[in-house]
C-alpha atoms as a PDB file:
ATOM      1  CA  MET A   1      59.422  39.793  25.687  1.00  0.00           C
ATOM      2  CA  ASP A   2      59.600  36.945  22.882  1.00  0.00           C
ATOM      3  CA  LEU A   3      58.279  38.673  19.835  1.00  0.00           C
ATOM      4  CA  GLY A   4      58.486  35.547  17.604  1.00  0.00           C
ATOM      5  CA  MET A   5      55.464  34.247  19.960  1.00  0.00           C
ATOM      6  CA  LEU A   6      53.623  36.161  18.019  1.00  0.00           C
ATOM      7  CA  PHE A   7      54.083  33.304  14.552  1.00  0.00           C
ATOM      8  CA  PHE A   8      51.771  30.845  16.570  1.00  0.00           C
ATOM      9  CA  ILE A   9      49.012  32.928  15.701  1.00  0.00           C
ATOM     10  CA  LEU A  10      49.386  31.080  11.818  1.00  0.00           C
ATOM     11  CA  PRO A  11      48.978  27.649  13.044  1.00  0.00           C
ATOM     12  CA  GLY A  12      46.195  28.142  14.837  1.00  0.00           C
ATOM     13  CA  ILE A  13      44.422  30.105  11.564  1.00  0.00           C
ATOM     14  CA  VAL A  14      45.365  27.375   9.436  1.00  0.00           C
ATOM     15  CA  ALA A  15      44.014  24.633  11.411  1.00  0.00           C
ATOM     16  CA  SER A  16      40.588  26.288  12.245  1.00  0.00           C
ATOM     17  CA  VAL A  17      40.448  27.079   8.099  1.00  0.00           C
ATOM     18  CA  PHE A  18      40.688  23.514   7.889  1.00  0.00           C
ATOM     19  CA  CYS A  19      38.512  22.813  11.076  1.00  0.00           C
ATOM     20  CA  ARG A  20      34.332  22.083   9.869  1.00  0.00           C
ATOM     21  CA  ASN A  21      33.406  22.667  13.390  1.00  0.00           C
ATOM     22  CA  ALA A  22      34.348  22.974  16.585  1.00  0.00           C
ATOM     23  CA  ARG A  23      37.021  26.208  14.895  1.00  0.00           C
ATOM     24  CA  VAL A  24      38.746  26.787  18.460  1.00  0.00           C
ATOM     25  CA  VAL A  25      38.777  23.779  20.577  1.00  0.00           C
ATOM     26  CA  LYS A  26      40.359  21.888  18.241  1.00  0.00           C
ATOM     27  CA  PRO A  27      43.184  24.026  17.074  1.00  0.00           C
ATOM     28  CA  MET A  28      43.671  23.904  20.670  1.00  0.00           C
ATOM     29  CA  LEU A  29      42.963  20.648  21.625  1.00  0.00           C
ATOM     30  CA  GLY A  30      45.803  19.976  19.174  1.00  0.00           C
ATOM     31  CA  ALA A  31      47.898  22.817  20.608  1.00  0.00           C
ATOM     32  CA  ILE A  32      48.033  20.803  24.361  1.00  0.00           C
ATOM     33  CA  LEU A  33      48.665  17.949  22.538  1.00  0.00           C
ATOM     34  CA  ALA A  34      52.065  18.772  20.469  1.00  0.00           C
ATOM     35  CA  SER A  35      53.142  20.610  23.613  1.00  0.00           C
ATOM     36  CA  PRO A  36      55.258  17.957  25.484  1.00  0.00           C
ATOM     37  CA  LEU A  37      56.945  16.935  21.906  1.00  0.00           C
ATOM     38  CA  CYS A  38      57.562  19.914  21.065  1.00  0.00           C
ATOM     39  CA  LEU A  39      59.122  20.411  25.105  1.00  0.00           C
ATOM     40  CA  LEU A  40      60.879  17.396  24.664  1.00  0.00           C
ATOM     41  CA  LEU A  41      62.442  18.232  21.593  1.00  0.00           C
ATOM     42  CA  PHE A  42      63.601  21.336  22.284  1.00  0.00           C
ATOM     43  CA  LEU A  43      65.006  20.869  26.007  1.00  0.00           C
ATOM     44  CA  MET A  44      67.001  17.481  23.627  1.00  0.00           C
ATOM     45  CA  TRP A  45      68.011  20.299  20.982  1.00  0.00           C
ATOM     46  CA  ARG A  46      68.224  23.319  22.551  1.00  0.00           C
ATOM     47  CA  GLU A  47      71.345  24.550  24.655  1.00  0.00           C
ATOM     48  CA  SER A  48      69.285  27.232  26.922  1.00  0.00           C
ATOM     49  CA  GLU A  49      70.532  29.069  29.809  1.00  0.00           C
ATOM     50  CA  ARG A  50      66.681  28.681  30.725  1.00  0.00           C
ATOM     51  CA  SER A  51      65.164  26.342  33.542  1.00  0.00           C
ATOM     52  CA  PHE A  52      62.531  23.853  32.694  1.00  0.00           C
ATOM     53  CA  TRP A  53      59.938  26.199  34.217  1.00  0.00           C
ATOM     54  CA  GLN A  54      60.379  28.466  31.522  1.00  0.00           C
ATOM     55  CA  GLU A  55      60.217  26.194  28.868  1.00  0.00           C
ATOM     56  CA  LEU A  56      57.184  24.876  30.003  1.00  0.00           C
ATOM     57  CA  ALA A  57      55.732  28.179  30.718  1.00  0.00           C
ATOM     58  CA  TRP A  58      56.464  29.724  26.786  1.00  0.00           C
ATOM     59  CA  THR A  59      55.166  26.722  25.714  1.00  0.00           C
ATOM     60  CA  PHE A  60      52.430  27.326  27.614  1.00  0.00           C
ATOM     61  CA  GLY A  61      52.471  30.976  26.237  1.00  0.00           C
ATOM     62  CA  ALA A  62      52.258  28.792  22.846  1.00  0.00           C
ATOM     63  CA  VAL A  63      49.371  26.971  23.181  1.00  0.00           C
ATOM     64  CA  PHE A  64      47.666  29.899  24.049  1.00  0.00           C
ATOM     65  CA  TRP A  65      48.943  32.272  20.826  1.00  0.00           C
ATOM     66  CA  CYS A  66      47.579  28.717  18.903  1.00  0.00           C
ATOM     67  CA  THR A  67      44.119  29.713  20.049  1.00  0.00           C
ATOM     68  CA  LEU A  68      44.667  33.506  19.629  1.00  0.00           C
ATOM     69  CA  GLY A  69      44.697  32.907  16.064  1.00  0.00           C
ATOM     70  CA  ALA A  70      41.804  30.390  16.132  1.00  0.00           C
ATOM     71  CA  LEU A  71      39.457  33.116  17.873  1.00  0.00           C
ATOM     72  CA  CYS A  72      40.786  35.048  15.594  1.00  0.00           C
ATOM     73  CA  TYR A  73      39.522  33.544  12.386  1.00  0.00           C
ATOM     74  CA  LEU A  74      36.266  33.032  14.177  1.00  0.00           C
ATOM     75  CA  LEU A  75      35.964  36.815  14.258  1.00  0.00           C
ATOM     76  CA  LEU A  76      36.850  37.308  11.592  1.00  0.00           C
ATOM     77  CA  LEU A  77      33.923  34.928  10.083  1.00  0.00           C
ATOM     78  CA  THR A  78      31.521  36.171  12.199  1.00  0.00           C
ATOM     79  CA  LEU A  79      32.237  39.776  11.115  1.00  0.00           C
ATOM     80  CA  ILE A  80      32.094  38.634   7.199  1.00  0.00           C
ATOM     81  CA  LYS A  81      28.382  36.894   8.063  1.00  0.00           C
ATOM     82  CA  HIS A  82      27.510  39.480   9.709  1.00  0.00           C
ATOM     83  CA  TYR A  83      28.114  41.539   6.820  1.00  0.00           C
ATOM     84  CA  ASP A  84      26.863  39.932   4.598  1.00  0.00           C
ATOM     85  CA  ALA A  85      23.628  39.392   6.539  1.00  0.00           C
ATOM     86  CA  ALA A  86      23.457  43.243   6.874  1.00  0.00           C
ATOM     87  CA  LYS A  87      23.891  43.713   3.253  1.00  0.00           C
ATOM     88  CA  ASN A  88      21.159  41.653   1.862  1.00  0.00           C
ATOM     89  CA  ARG A  89      19.245  43.234   4.531  1.00  0.00           C
ATOM     90  CA  LEU A  90      19.636  46.585   2.433  1.00  0.00           C
END
């Protein structure tokens, strides 16, 4: 298990903060579009014991965690709006 994958949540959160509309779709599309370049750079400059398919799976995992970061930010925004709406009703 690679705990470093959890750091991919941060770019998803940052991308979701800067997107006004489609707070989940745009960070996910950005991660999907960047993943082939990142995989190519990773394979060119790093001597790895892992196969191409393992590196590809790692890249798909990074896309998943980035999207999860965007979803966490969206959940936080929803909770804050719900809390504010409940507070204003009282």
